[in-house]
Amino acid sequence: MPGSTLPLLSFSQLHLRQNRVDDPEAPGAIVQWRSHIAVRDFLARNIPFPAITSLFLEWIDWQTLSRAALTSLQSNYNSVKELELNFIAITLDELSSLIETLSALEKITIRAGVPFDTPATSTLDSIKITHPSLSQLAFHDNPPSWLIRFFARAIHYAAGINTLSFGIPVTVSAHSHELEACGELLETAGINLRVLNFGASYYVQPLPGESGGETFSSSPVLSVASQ
């Protein structure tokens, strides 16, 4: 964008989001939102944002990003300290590259609808990356167990994991793998851990006479901080 004044503005947060769909699980919905290219076109403009410290990416299929868009991420977002992902279609190799690209990154938040293809266990063990400053991880909306294990096994944290946040359904028997993965990540954190937030997600049944079906809610059940 010739003559753009965007680089002159002191943005500290940037939210890149494409058109969402009301029901991501509906037939044809995945094809609909994963074919959008607005974020690709924006990144390909190669606009520097030296003041950005928080980056929120939403409703993006990583396969739609061009080489120019990926190069822009690598060169223009070196100051990003917090990364939040919501409805991002991305492989573990691509996620690893993104993490390595954001060299100042301190915190990652994984929210709903990250439609990775479930990788083989060997894939989790084969990816090894080191990050100098990443130290805070947050998982919301029932993350898959293998995604948690990816962060436990693949990433070597030079700074050490000092903050962990989880959101796991209270139907523990049905989500034992997620809890086991959380335990593995806690072991990885070890003595570096200073803050642990554990939230319970649960279904709320409507009261007699109320309209509507079940709703999904969550609340913190455990929060621990050490000095």
Protein backbone atom coordinates (compact mmCIF):
# COMPACT_ATOMS: atom_id res chain seq x y z
CA MET A 1 0.00 0.00 0.00
CA PRO A 2 2.14 2.95 -1.26
CA GLY A 3 2.09 5.96 1.03
CA SER A 4 0.30 4.06 3.80
CA THR A 5 0.40 5.68 7.23
CA LEU A 6 -0.24 2.38 9.04
CA PRO A 7 3.45 1.87 9.99
CA LEU A 8 3.45 5.31 11.63
CA LEU A 9 0.70 4.33 14.07
CA SER A 10 1.72 2.88 17.43
CA PHE A 11 -0.47 -0.20 17.45
CA SER A 12 0.23 -2.54 20.33
CA GLN A 13 -2.44 -5.11 19.39
CA LEU A 14 -3.38 -6.49 15.99
CA HIS A 15 -6.34 -8.82 15.35
CA LEU A 16 -6.33 -10.46 11.92
CA ARG A 17 -9.65 -12.16 11.29
CA GLN A 18 -11.48 -13.27 8.20
CA ASN A 19 -15.20 -13.80 7.71
CA ARG A 20 -16.43 -16.32 10.24
CA VAL A 21 -19.31 -18.74 9.89
CA ASP A 22 -22.09 -19.13 12.43
CA ASP A 23 -21.78 -22.92 12.61
CA PRO A 24 -18.27 -24.20 11.82
CA GLU A 25 -19.50 -27.81 12.02
CA ALA A 26 -22.23 -27.36 9.39
CA PRO A 27 -21.76 -29.10 6.02
CA GLY A 28 -19.69 -26.94 3.72
CA ALA A 29 -18.73 -24.49 6.48
CA ILE A 30 -15.10 -25.60 6.63
CA VAL A 31 -14.68 -25.13 2.90
CA GLN A 32 -16.33 -21.73 3.19
CA TRP A 33 -14.08 -20.15 5.80
CA ARG A 34 -10.88 -21.98 4.86
CA SER A 35 -11.00 -20.56 1.33
CA HIS A 36 -10.81 -16.92 2.41
CA ILE A 37 -7.62 -15.01 1.53
CA ALA A 38 -8.09 -11.55 3.08
CA VAL A 39 -5.37 -12.13 5.71
CA ARG A 40 -3.01 -13.43 3.05
CA ASP A 41 -3.49 -10.28 0.99
CA PHE A 42 -3.02 -8.04 4.04
CA LEU A 43 0.21 -9.73 5.12
CA ALA A 44 1.55 -9.76 1.57
CA ARG A 45 1.55 -5.96 1.59
CA ASN A 46 4.62 -6.29 3.83
CA ILE A 47 3.66 -3.46 6.17
CA PRO A 48 5.98 -3.25 9.22
CA PHE A 49 4.43 -3.02 12.68
CA PRO A 50 7.38 -2.48 15.03
CA ALA A 51 5.18 -1.66 18.05
CA ILE A 52 2.92 -4.74 17.90
CA THR A 53 3.20 -6.82 21.08
CA SER A 54 -0.07 -8.79 20.85
CA LEU A 55 -1.19 -10.70 17.73
CA PHE A 56 -4.57 -12.46 17.47
CA LEU A 57 -5.07 -14.72 14.43
CA GLU A 58 -8.56 -16.09 13.74
CA TRP A 59 -10.37 -18.04 11.01
CA ILE A 60 -7.32 -18.69 8.83
CA ASP A 61 -6.24 -21.73 6.84
CA TRP A 62 -2.43 -21.58 6.88
CA GLN A 63 -2.31 -23.24 3.47
CA THR A 64 -3.83 -20.10 1.92
CA LEU A 65 -0.91 -17.92 3.02
CA SER A 66 1.53 -17.11 0.23
CA ARG A 67 5.31 -17.07 0.56
CA ALA A 68 5.14 -13.26 0.64
CA ALA A 69 2.65 -13.38 3.53
CA LEU A 70 4.82 -15.80 5.54
CA THR A 71 7.92 -13.69 4.87
CA SER A 72 6.03 -10.65 6.15
CA LEU A 73 5.21 -12.48 9.39
CA GLN A 74 8.87 -13.34 9.82
CA SER A 75 10.22 -9.85 9.19
CA ASN A 76 7.53 -7.47 10.49
CA TYR A 77 6.33 -8.99 13.76
CA ASN A 78 9.51 -9.49 15.73
CA SER A 79 8.13 -7.53 18.70
CA VAL A 80 5.10 -9.80 19.28
CA LYS A 81 5.07 -11.14 22.85
CA GLU A 82 1.55 -12.61 22.96
CA LEU A 83 0.00 -14.83 20.27
CA GLU A 84 -3.62 -16.01 20.32
CA LEU A 85 -5.04 -18.56 17.88
CA ASN A 86 -8.72 -19.25 17.24
CA PHE A 87 -10.03 -21.42 14.39
CA ILE A 88 -6.65 -21.77 12.69
CA ALA A 89 -6.06 -24.68 10.31
CA ILE A 90 -2.34 -25.34 10.68
CA THR A 91 -0.01 -28.33 10.88
CA LEU A 92 2.41 -28.88 13.74
CA ASP A 93 5.35 -28.14 11.43
CA GLU A 94 3.72 -24.84 10.42
CA LEU A 95 2.96 -24.03 14.05
CA SER A 96 6.59 -24.71 14.94
CA SER A 97 7.77 -22.36 12.20
CA LEU A 98 5.38 -19.65 13.40
CA ILE A 99 6.64 -19.95 16.98
CA GLU A 100 10.26 -19.75 15.85
CA THR A 101 9.44 -16.75 13.65
CA LEU A 102 8.12 -14.74 16.62
CA SER A 103 11.42 -14.52 18.44
CA ALA A 104 10.13 -12.24 21.24
CA LEU A 105 7.12 -14.46 21.98
CA GLU A 106 6.34 -14.99 25.67
CA LYS A 107 2.76 -16.31 25.71
CA ILE A 108 0.59 -18.49 23.45
CA THR A 109 -3.17 -18.88 23.89
CA ILE A 110 -4.97 -21.67 22.00
CA ARG A 111 -8.72 -21.17 21.83
CA ALA A 112 -11.58 -23.02 20.14
CA GLY A 113 -11.64 -24.77 16.81
CA VAL A 114 -8.03 -25.40 15.95
CA PRO A 115 -8.72 -27.99 13.22
CA PHE A 116 -5.33 -29.64 13.00
CA ASP A 117 -5.18 -33.07 11.45
CA THR A 118 -4.46 -35.41 14.34
CA PRO A 119 -0.76 -36.25 14.00
CA ALA A 120 0.90 -39.58 14.67
CA THR A 121 2.73 -39.97 17.98
CA SER A 122 6.00 -40.15 16.05
CA THR A 123 5.31 -36.66 14.69
CA LEU A 124 5.00 -35.26 18.21
CA ASP A 125 8.38 -36.74 19.08
CA SER A 126 10.15 -35.73 15.87
CA ILE A 127 9.61 -31.95 16.06
CA LYS A 128 12.15 -30.22 18.26
CA ILE A 129 12.43 -26.44 18.55
CA THR A 130 14.00 -24.13 21.09
CA HIS A 131 12.51 -20.80 22.02
CA PRO A 132 14.40 -18.27 24.16
CA SER A 133 11.47 -16.45 25.80
CA LEU A 134 8.25 -18.50 25.53
CA SER A 135 7.14 -19.15 29.10
CA GLN A 136 3.32 -18.90 29.29
CA LEU A 137 0.80 -21.31 27.77
CA ALA A 138 -3.00 -21.14 27.89
CA PHE A 139 -5.43 -23.75 26.52
CA HIS A 140 -9.16 -23.05 26.36
CA ASP A 141 -12.27 -24.85 25.09
CA ASN A 142 -11.17 -28.47 25.54
CA PRO A 143 -7.87 -28.73 23.63
CA PRO A 144 -6.95 -32.15 22.19
CA SER A 145 -4.48 -34.15 24.27
CA TRP A 146 -1.90 -34.42 21.47
CA LEU A 147 -1.76 -30.64 21.11
CA ILE A 148 -0.90 -30.28 24.80
CA ARG A 149 1.70 -33.05 24.41
CA PHE A 150 3.21 -31.19 21.47
CA PHE A 151 4.05 -28.29 23.78
CA ALA A 152 5.27 -30.71 26.45
CA ARG A 153 7.62 -32.64 24.16
CA ALA A 154 8.54 -30.58 21.12
CA ILE A 155 9.40 -27.19 22.53
CA HIS A 156 12.49 -26.65 24.64
CA TYR A 157 11.91 -23.58 26.74
CA ALA A 158 15.08 -21.63 27.42
CA ALA A 159 13.11 -19.36 29.74
CA GLY A 160 11.20 -22.22 31.40
CA ILE A 161 7.40 -22.52 31.62
CA ASN A 162 6.27 -20.33 34.51
CA THR A 163 2.53 -19.96 33.76
CA LEU A 164 0.01 -22.61 32.63
CA SER A 165 -3.75 -22.26 32.11
CA PHE A 166 -6.08 -25.13 31.18
CA GLY A 167 -9.79 -25.49 30.40
CA ILE A 168 -10.90 -29.15 30.65
CA PRO A 169 -14.47 -30.55 30.82
CA VAL A 170 -15.56 -31.84 34.23
CA THR A 171 -16.58 -35.18 32.73
CA VAL A 172 -13.16 -36.44 33.76
CA SER A 173 -13.69 -40.07 32.74
CA ALA A 174 -14.33 -39.04 29.14
CA HIS A 175 -11.30 -36.74 29.02
CA SER A 176 -8.63 -38.75 30.83
CA HIS A 177 -6.19 -38.36 27.90
CA GLU A 178 -6.39 -34.57 28.15
CA LEU A 179 -5.71 -34.73 31.90
CA GLU A 180 -2.75 -37.06 31.33
CA ALA A 181 -1.37 -34.62 28.75
CA CYS A 182 -1.77 -31.77 31.23
CA GLY A 183 0.22 -33.82 33.73
CA GLU A 184 2.98 -34.32 31.16
CA LEU A 185 3.16 -30.59 30.54
CA LEU A 186 3.27 -29.93 34.29
CA GLU A 187 6.25 -32.29 34.50
CA THR A 188 7.93 -30.38 31.68
CA ALA A 189 7.39 -27.11 33.56
CA GLY A 190 8.83 -28.59 36.76
CA ILE A 191 10.24 -26.18 39.29
CA ASN A 192 9.94 -23.22 36.90
CA LEU A 193 6.14 -23.16 37.26
CA ARG A 194 4.91 -20.17 39.25
CA VAL A 195 1.23 -19.82 38.20
CA LEU A 196 -1.29 -22.59 37.47
CA ASN A 197 -4.88 -21.84 36.44
CA PHE A 198 -7.21 -24.79 35.94
CA GLY A 199 -10.76 -24.19 34.71
CA ALA A 200 -13.68 -26.60 34.57
CA SER A 201 -15.96 -26.64 31.53
CA TYR A 202 -19.43 -28.09 31.89
CA TYR A 203 -22.85 -28.32 30.27
CA VAL A 204 -25.71 -26.37 31.81
CA GLN A 205 -29.17 -27.92 31.56
CA PRO A 206 -32.05 -25.41 31.22
CA LEU A 207 -34.43 -25.21 34.15
CA PRO A 208 -38.00 -26.48 33.69
CA GLY A 209 -39.97 -23.95 31.68
CA GLU A 210 -36.87 -22.31 30.20
CA SER A 211 -36.41 -22.29 26.46
CA GLY A 212 -33.29 -23.40 24.67
CA GLY A 213 -31.10 -26.45 24.91
CA GLU A 214 -27.87 -27.19 26.73
CA THR A 215 -25.29 -24.45 26.96
CA PHE A 216 -21.57 -24.73 27.55
CA SER A 217 -20.02 -22.81 30.41
CA SER A 218 -16.80 -22.71 32.37
CA SER A 219 -15.44 -21.44 35.63
CA PRO A 220 -12.07 -21.50 37.39
CA VAL A 221 -11.81 -24.25 39.98
CA LEU A 222 -8.14 -23.92 40.82
CA SER A 223 -5.69 -21.05 40.72
CA VAL A 224 -2.29 -21.40 42.35
CA ALA A 225 0.58 -18.93 42.39
CA SER A 226 3.92 -19.27 44.11
CA GLN A 227 6.45 -16.64 44.98
